[in-house]
Amino acid sequence: MQPDDKWADLARTVPGGFTGILRDSTHRLILRLTHPELAAEAKAALRAQLPVALDDAVVQPARWDFGQLVDWFNYLHPRLPVAVTADKDEGLNRVRFSVTSIEARDQVLRALAPLGLPCDLVVVDLNGMVVRF
C-alpha cells in the first residue's frame, strides 16, 4: 500500500473530509479538512490511525479531500498526451502536473480543456510557473 492509498482510505473513513497533514514554516502541524467544523471528530478518529499527535494541530479548510484528489488523479493522468511529473498535492489541495516545456504545457491544457473540470482542481506547473485550471 502506498502512502497516498493510506491517506485516501483515511479521507473515506475519517469525519471532516481528511485532506492531509502538513507542517508550516514554523513546524506547526496543519490538519486540512473539507469540513473543519468536524475537527474534534477528525482528530479523534486520526488519533487511533496515525502516529502523530494532532491535539494542537491548526485546522485549515480545503476544497477536496484526499480520496477525491486520488480519484481525479487516476482519471486525469492517463488522459494526458505527454509525460508529466504528477502529484496529488495536499498542500495546494490540487492535482498537480509539472512539465518542462511550453509545448508540453499547452498539450496538457488542451487535453484537460474538454473534460469540464471543476475550478481549482488542477495546477499545471511549467518549471515552477503555475497555471491554475
N, C-alpha and C. Protein backbone atom coordinates (compact mmCIF):
# COMPACT_ATOMS: atom_id res chain seq x y z
N MET A 1 0.85 -1.18 0.00
CA MET A 1 0.00 0.00 0.00
C MET A 1 0.89 1.24 0.00
N GLN A 2 0.61 2.16 -0.89
CA GLN A 2 1.34 3.41 -1.00
C GLN A 2 0.82 4.40 0.05
N PRO A 3 1.67 5.37 0.47
CA PRO A 3 1.17 6.39 1.42
C PRO A 3 -0.08 7.11 0.91
N ASP A 4 -0.15 7.38 -0.38
CA ASP A 4 -1.34 8.04 -0.92
C ASP A 4 -2.59 7.19 -0.72
N ASP A 5 -2.44 5.86 -0.84
CA ASP A 5 -3.57 4.97 -0.61
C ASP A 5 -4.06 5.07 0.83
N LYS A 6 -3.12 5.14 1.77
CA LYS A 6 -3.49 5.26 3.19
C LYS A 6 -4.27 6.54 3.43
N TRP A 7 -3.77 7.66 2.87
CA TRP A 7 -4.47 8.93 3.07
C TRP A 7 -5.84 8.92 2.37
N ALA A 8 -5.94 8.28 1.22
CA ALA A 8 -7.23 8.19 0.54
C ALA A 8 -8.21 7.37 1.38
N ASP A 9 -7.72 6.28 1.98
CA ASP A 9 -8.57 5.48 2.86
C ASP A 9 -9.03 6.31 4.06
N LEU A 10 -8.11 7.09 4.63
CA LEU A 10 -8.48 7.95 5.76
C LEU A 10 -9.54 8.96 5.33
N ALA A 11 -9.39 9.53 4.15
CA ALA A 11 -10.35 10.53 3.66
C ALA A 11 -11.74 9.92 3.54
N ARG A 12 -11.80 8.65 3.25
CA ARG A 12 -13.09 7.99 3.04
C ARG A 12 -13.72 7.53 4.35
N THR A 13 -12.94 7.51 5.44
CA THR A 13 -13.48 6.98 6.69
C THR A 13 -13.47 7.97 7.85
N VAL A 14 -12.60 8.97 7.80
CA VAL A 14 -12.48 9.94 8.89
C VAL A 14 -13.50 11.06 8.71
N PRO A 15 -14.23 11.42 9.75
CA PRO A 15 -15.15 12.56 9.63
C PRO A 15 -14.37 13.83 9.29
N GLY A 16 -14.99 14.70 8.54
CA GLY A 16 -14.39 16.00 8.28
C GLY A 16 -13.71 16.15 6.95
N GLY A 17 -13.64 15.08 6.16
CA GLY A 17 -13.03 15.20 4.83
C GLY A 17 -11.52 15.40 4.89
N PHE A 18 -10.81 14.42 5.40
CA PHE A 18 -9.36 14.48 5.58
C PHE A 18 -8.65 14.76 4.25
N THR A 19 -7.84 15.80 4.25
CA THR A 19 -7.06 16.17 3.07
C THR A 19 -5.59 15.92 3.27
N GLY A 20 -5.11 16.08 4.48
CA GLY A 20 -3.71 15.82 4.74
C GLY A 20 -3.21 16.51 5.99
N ILE A 21 -1.97 16.17 6.33
CA ILE A 21 -1.29 16.78 7.47
C ILE A 21 0.02 17.35 6.94
N LEU A 22 0.25 18.60 7.25
CA LEU A 22 1.44 19.31 6.79
C LEU A 22 2.10 19.99 7.98
N ARG A 23 3.26 20.56 7.72
CA ARG A 23 3.90 21.45 8.70
C ARG A 23 4.08 22.80 8.03
N ASP A 24 3.83 23.86 8.79
CA ASP A 24 4.05 25.20 8.24
C ASP A 24 5.52 25.59 8.44
N SER A 25 5.85 26.81 8.12
CA SER A 25 7.25 27.26 8.18
C SER A 25 7.81 27.28 9.61
N THR A 26 6.93 27.25 10.60
CA THR A 26 7.38 27.20 12.00
C THR A 26 7.31 25.78 12.55
N HIS A 27 7.08 24.80 11.68
CA HIS A 27 7.00 23.37 12.02
C HIS A 27 5.73 23.01 12.81
N ARG A 28 4.78 23.90 12.82
CA ARG A 28 3.50 23.63 13.46
C ARG A 28 2.70 22.69 12.55
N LEU A 29 2.00 21.73 13.15
CA LEU A 29 1.18 20.81 12.38
C LEU A 29 -0.08 21.50 11.87
N ILE A 30 -0.40 21.23 10.61
CA ILE A 30 -1.61 21.74 9.97
C ILE A 30 -2.43 20.53 9.55
N LEU A 31 -3.66 20.48 9.97
CA LEU A 31 -4.60 19.45 9.56
C LEU A 31 -5.58 20.07 8.59
N ARG A 32 -5.61 19.57 7.35
CA ARG A 32 -6.52 20.12 6.33
C ARG A 32 -7.76 19.25 6.25
N LEU A 33 -8.91 19.89 6.32
CA LEU A 33 -10.20 19.19 6.27
C LEU A 33 -11.16 19.94 5.36
N THR A 34 -12.01 19.19 4.66
CA THR A 34 -13.04 19.84 3.85
C THR A 34 -14.20 20.33 4.72
N HIS A 35 -14.31 19.78 5.91
CA HIS A 35 -15.33 20.20 6.87
C HIS A 35 -14.64 20.49 8.21
N PRO A 36 -14.00 21.67 8.31
CA PRO A 36 -13.25 21.96 9.52
C PRO A 36 -14.10 22.02 10.78
N GLU A 37 -15.39 22.17 10.62
CA GLU A 37 -16.27 22.17 11.79
C GLU A 37 -16.30 20.80 12.48
N LEU A 38 -15.79 19.77 11.81
CA LEU A 38 -15.71 18.43 12.39
C LEU A 38 -14.30 18.10 12.87
N ALA A 39 -13.53 19.12 13.20
CA ALA A 39 -12.13 18.92 13.58
C ALA A 39 -11.98 18.00 14.79
N ALA A 40 -12.80 18.17 15.81
CA ALA A 40 -12.67 17.33 17.00
C ALA A 40 -12.89 15.85 16.66
N GLU A 41 -13.91 15.58 15.84
CA GLU A 41 -14.19 14.21 15.44
C GLU A 41 -13.07 13.65 14.57
N ALA A 42 -12.55 14.48 13.68
CA ALA A 42 -11.45 14.04 12.81
C ALA A 42 -10.21 13.72 13.62
N LYS A 43 -9.86 14.60 14.54
CA LYS A 43 -8.67 14.36 15.37
C LYS A 43 -8.83 13.08 16.18
N ALA A 44 -10.01 12.85 16.72
CA ALA A 44 -10.25 11.63 17.50
C ALA A 44 -10.09 10.39 16.63
N ALA A 45 -10.63 10.43 15.43
CA ALA A 45 -10.53 9.27 14.53
C ALA A 45 -9.09 9.06 14.06
N LEU A 46 -8.38 10.14 13.79
CA LEU A 46 -7.00 10.02 13.31
C LEU A 46 -6.05 9.58 14.41
N ARG A 47 -6.35 9.90 15.66
CA ARG A 47 -5.51 9.54 16.79
C ARG A 47 -5.21 8.04 16.81
N ALA A 48 -6.21 7.24 16.47
CA ALA A 48 -6.04 5.79 16.50
C ALA A 48 -5.32 5.25 15.28
N GLN A 49 -5.19 6.06 14.22
CA GLN A 49 -4.67 5.53 12.96
C GLN A 49 -3.33 6.10 12.52
N LEU A 50 -2.91 7.21 13.12
CA LEU A 50 -1.66 7.85 12.72
C LEU A 50 -0.76 8.07 13.93
N PRO A 51 0.55 7.93 13.72
CA PRO A 51 1.48 8.12 14.83
C PRO A 51 1.86 9.59 15.04
N VAL A 52 0.89 10.48 14.93
CA VAL A 52 1.13 11.92 15.04
C VAL A 52 0.14 12.49 16.04
N ALA A 53 0.63 13.29 16.97
CA ALA A 53 -0.24 13.95 17.94
C ALA A 53 -0.86 15.18 17.28
N LEU A 54 -2.16 15.16 17.12
CA LEU A 54 -2.87 16.23 16.41
C LEU A 54 -3.65 17.16 17.33
N ASP A 55 -3.57 16.96 18.63
CA ASP A 55 -4.37 17.77 19.55
C ASP A 55 -4.15 19.26 19.34
N ASP A 56 -2.92 19.68 19.11
CA ASP A 56 -2.61 21.10 18.94
C ASP A 56 -2.50 21.51 17.47
N ALA A 57 -2.83 20.62 16.56
CA ALA A 57 -2.73 20.96 15.14
C ALA A 57 -3.72 22.06 14.78
N VAL A 58 -3.28 22.96 13.94
CA VAL A 58 -4.16 24.01 13.41
C VAL A 58 -4.97 23.40 12.28
N VAL A 59 -6.25 23.65 12.28
CA VAL A 59 -7.13 23.12 11.24
C VAL A 59 -7.34 24.18 10.18
N GLN A 60 -7.12 23.79 8.92
CA GLN A 60 -7.35 24.69 7.79
C GLN A 60 -8.34 24.04 6.84
N PRO A 61 -9.20 24.86 6.23
CA PRO A 61 -10.17 24.32 5.29
C PRO A 61 -9.53 23.94 3.96
N ALA A 62 -10.12 22.97 3.31
CA ALA A 62 -9.69 22.53 1.98
C ALA A 62 -10.94 22.25 1.15
N ARG A 63 -10.79 22.30 -0.15
CA ARG A 63 -11.94 22.04 -1.02
C ARG A 63 -12.11 20.54 -1.29
N TRP A 64 -10.99 19.85 -1.52
CA TRP A 64 -11.03 18.44 -1.91
C TRP A 64 -10.46 17.57 -0.80
N ASP A 65 -11.14 16.46 -0.47
CA ASP A 65 -10.50 15.52 0.44
C ASP A 65 -9.49 14.68 -0.36
N PHE A 66 -8.62 13.98 0.34
CA PHE A 66 -7.54 13.30 -0.36
C PHE A 66 -8.05 12.16 -1.24
N GLY A 67 -9.13 11.52 -0.85
CA GLY A 67 -9.72 10.48 -1.70
C GLY A 67 -10.19 11.05 -3.03
N GLN A 68 -10.78 12.25 -2.99
CA GLN A 68 -11.20 12.91 -4.23
C GLN A 68 -9.99 13.25 -5.10
N LEU A 69 -8.92 13.75 -4.48
CA LEU A 69 -7.71 14.05 -5.25
C LEU A 69 -7.17 12.80 -5.94
N VAL A 70 -7.16 11.68 -5.23
CA VAL A 70 -6.69 10.42 -5.81
C VAL A 70 -7.60 9.99 -6.95
N ASP A 71 -8.90 10.07 -6.75
CA ASP A 71 -9.84 9.67 -7.81
C ASP A 71 -9.67 10.54 -9.05
N TRP A 72 -9.58 11.86 -8.87
CA TRP A 72 -9.37 12.75 -10.01
C TRP A 72 -8.03 12.48 -10.69
N PHE A 73 -7.00 12.29 -9.89
CA PHE A 73 -5.68 12.00 -10.44
C PHE A 73 -5.74 10.74 -11.32
N ASN A 74 -6.36 9.69 -10.80
CA ASN A 74 -6.45 8.42 -11.54
C ASN A 74 -7.26 8.56 -12.82
N TYR A 75 -8.21 9.47 -12.84
CA TYR A 75 -8.99 9.74 -14.04
C TYR A 75 -8.20 10.58 -15.05
N LEU A 76 -7.53 11.60 -14.56
CA LEU A 76 -6.88 12.57 -15.45
C LEU A 76 -5.52 12.11 -16.00
N HIS A 77 -4.70 11.56 -15.16
CA HIS A 77 -3.32 11.27 -15.56
C HIS A 77 -3.23 10.40 -16.83
N PRO A 78 -4.01 9.33 -16.96
CA PRO A 78 -3.92 8.52 -18.19
C PRO A 78 -4.39 9.24 -19.45
N ARG A 79 -5.10 10.34 -19.30
CA ARG A 79 -5.62 11.08 -20.45
C ARG A 79 -4.65 12.13 -20.99
N LEU A 80 -3.52 12.28 -20.35
CA LEU A 80 -2.56 13.29 -20.79
C LEU A 80 -1.70 12.74 -21.92
N PRO A 81 -1.49 13.56 -22.96
CA PRO A 81 -0.79 13.10 -24.15
C PRO A 81 0.74 13.13 -24.03
N VAL A 82 1.26 13.69 -22.95
CA VAL A 82 2.71 13.82 -22.78
C VAL A 82 3.10 13.35 -21.39
N ALA A 83 4.37 13.04 -21.24
CA ALA A 83 4.88 12.66 -19.93
C ALA A 83 4.94 13.89 -19.03
N VAL A 84 4.48 13.71 -17.82
CA VAL A 84 4.50 14.79 -16.84
C VAL A 84 4.95 14.21 -15.50
N THR A 85 5.42 15.07 -14.64
CA THR A 85 5.57 14.70 -13.24
C THR A 85 4.23 15.04 -12.61
N ALA A 86 3.69 14.13 -11.84
CA ALA A 86 2.33 14.31 -11.36
C ALA A 86 2.25 14.02 -9.87
N ASP A 87 1.30 14.70 -9.21
CA ASP A 87 1.19 14.55 -7.76
C ASP A 87 -0.22 14.90 -7.32
N LYS A 88 -0.64 14.27 -6.23
CA LYS A 88 -1.83 14.70 -5.51
C LYS A 88 -1.29 15.62 -4.43
N ASP A 89 -1.38 16.90 -4.63
CA ASP A 89 -0.69 17.88 -3.79
C ASP A 89 -1.59 18.33 -2.65
N GLU A 90 -1.37 17.75 -1.47
CA GLU A 90 -2.21 18.09 -0.33
C GLU A 90 -1.98 19.52 0.16
N GLY A 91 -0.80 20.06 -0.08
CA GLY A 91 -0.53 21.44 0.33
C GLY A 91 -1.33 22.45 -0.48
N LEU A 92 -1.35 22.25 -1.79
CA LEU A 92 -2.15 23.11 -2.66
C LEU A 92 -3.60 22.67 -2.71
N ASN A 93 -3.85 21.43 -2.30
CA ASN A 93 -5.17 20.82 -2.39
C ASN A 93 -5.63 20.77 -3.84
N ARG A 94 -4.72 20.33 -4.70
CA ARG A 94 -4.98 20.24 -6.14
C ARG A 94 -4.25 19.01 -6.70
N VAL A 95 -4.66 18.59 -7.87
CA VAL A 95 -3.87 17.66 -8.68
C VAL A 95 -2.85 18.51 -9.41
N ARG A 96 -1.58 18.14 -9.30
CA ARG A 96 -0.50 18.95 -9.90
C ARG A 96 0.17 18.13 -11.00
N PHE A 97 0.26 18.76 -12.18
CA PHE A 97 1.03 18.21 -13.29
C PHE A 97 2.16 19.18 -13.60
N SER A 98 3.39 18.68 -13.61
CA SER A 98 4.55 19.53 -13.88
C SER A 98 5.17 19.12 -15.21
N VAL A 99 5.47 20.12 -16.02
CA VAL A 99 6.08 19.90 -17.34
C VAL A 99 7.31 20.79 -17.47
N THR A 100 8.11 20.50 -18.49
CA THR A 100 9.37 21.24 -18.65
C THR A 100 9.44 22.05 -19.93
N SER A 101 8.33 22.10 -20.67
CA SER A 101 8.35 22.91 -21.90
C SER A 101 6.98 23.55 -22.12
N ILE A 102 6.99 24.63 -22.84
CA ILE A 102 5.74 25.31 -23.19
C ILE A 102 4.86 24.40 -24.03
N GLU A 103 5.50 23.65 -24.92
CA GLU A 103 4.73 22.74 -25.79
C GLU A 103 4.00 21.68 -24.96
N ALA A 104 4.71 21.10 -24.00
CA ALA A 104 4.09 20.09 -23.15
C ALA A 104 2.97 20.71 -22.31
N ARG A 105 3.20 21.91 -21.78
CA ARG A 105 2.16 22.59 -21.02
C ARG A 105 0.90 22.79 -21.87
N ASP A 106 1.10 23.27 -23.10
CA ASP A 106 -0.04 23.52 -23.98
C ASP A 106 -0.76 22.22 -24.33
N GLN A 107 -0.04 21.13 -24.49
CA GLN A 107 -0.67 19.84 -24.77
C GLN A 107 -1.51 19.38 -23.57
N VAL A 108 -0.97 19.57 -22.37
CA VAL A 108 -1.72 19.18 -21.17
C VAL A 108 -2.99 20.04 -21.05
N LEU A 109 -2.85 21.34 -21.24
CA LEU A 109 -4.02 22.22 -21.14
C LEU A 109 -5.08 21.88 -22.19
N ARG A 110 -4.64 21.55 -23.41
CA ARG A 110 -5.60 21.15 -24.45
C ARG A 110 -6.30 19.83 -24.10
N ALA A 111 -5.58 18.92 -23.48
CA ALA A 111 -6.19 17.64 -23.10
C ALA A 111 -7.20 17.82 -21.97
N LEU A 112 -6.93 18.75 -21.06
CA LEU A 112 -7.82 18.97 -19.93
C LEU A 112 -9.05 19.80 -20.29
N ALA A 113 -8.91 20.70 -21.24
CA ALA A 113 -9.98 21.66 -21.55
C ALA A 113 -11.34 21.02 -21.82
N PRO A 114 -11.45 19.98 -22.63
CA PRO A 114 -12.79 19.46 -22.93
C PRO A 114 -13.40 18.59 -21.82
N LEU A 115 -12.68 18.38 -20.73
CA LEU A 115 -13.16 17.47 -19.69
C LEU A 115 -14.15 18.10 -18.72
N GLY A 116 -14.35 19.42 -18.82
CA GLY A 116 -15.33 20.08 -17.95
C GLY A 116 -14.99 19.96 -16.47
N LEU A 117 -13.74 20.19 -16.12
CA LEU A 117 -13.28 20.02 -14.75
C LEU A 117 -13.77 21.13 -13.84
N PRO A 118 -13.98 20.81 -12.57
CA PRO A 118 -14.32 21.86 -11.60
C PRO A 118 -13.17 22.86 -11.47
N CYS A 119 -13.51 24.09 -11.16
CA CYS A 119 -12.48 25.12 -10.95
C CYS A 119 -11.56 24.73 -9.81
N ASP A 120 -10.33 25.11 -9.92
CA ASP A 120 -9.34 24.92 -8.86
C ASP A 120 -9.09 23.45 -8.52
N LEU A 121 -9.18 22.58 -9.50
CA LEU A 121 -8.86 21.18 -9.27
C LEU A 121 -7.43 20.86 -9.69
N VAL A 122 -6.98 21.47 -10.79
CA VAL A 122 -5.70 21.11 -11.39
C VAL A 122 -4.77 22.32 -11.42
N VAL A 123 -3.50 22.05 -11.18
CA VAL A 123 -2.44 23.03 -11.37
C VAL A 123 -1.47 22.43 -12.37
N VAL A 124 -1.13 23.22 -13.39
CA VAL A 124 -0.11 22.81 -14.36
C VAL A 124 1.10 23.71 -14.11
N ASP A 125 2.21 23.08 -13.80
CA ASP A 125 3.42 23.77 -13.38
C ASP A 125 4.46 23.64 -14.50
N LEU A 126 4.88 24.77 -15.05
CA LEU A 126 5.93 24.80 -16.07
C LEU A 126 7.18 25.37 -15.43
N ASN A 127 8.11 24.48 -15.07
CA ASN A 127 9.36 24.92 -14.44
C ASN A 127 9.13 25.90 -13.30
N GLY A 128 8.13 25.62 -12.49
CA GLY A 128 7.86 26.46 -11.33
C GLY A 128 6.83 27.55 -11.57
N MET A 129 6.44 27.81 -12.81
CA MET A 129 5.40 28.80 -13.11
C MET A 129 4.07 28.07 -13.18
N VAL A 130 3.15 28.43 -12.31
CA VAL A 130 1.90 27.68 -12.15
C VAL A 130 0.77 28.28 -12.97
N VAL A 131 0.04 27.40 -13.67
CA VAL A 131 -1.20 27.77 -14.34
C VAL A 131 -2.31 27.00 -13.64
N ARG A 132 -3.26 27.70 -13.02
CA ARG A 132 -4.37 27.03 -12.36
C ARG A 132 -5.46 26.78 -13.39
N PHE A 133 -6.01 25.61 -13.34
CA PHE A 133 -7.03 25.21 -14.32
C PHE A 133 -8.33 24.96 -13.60
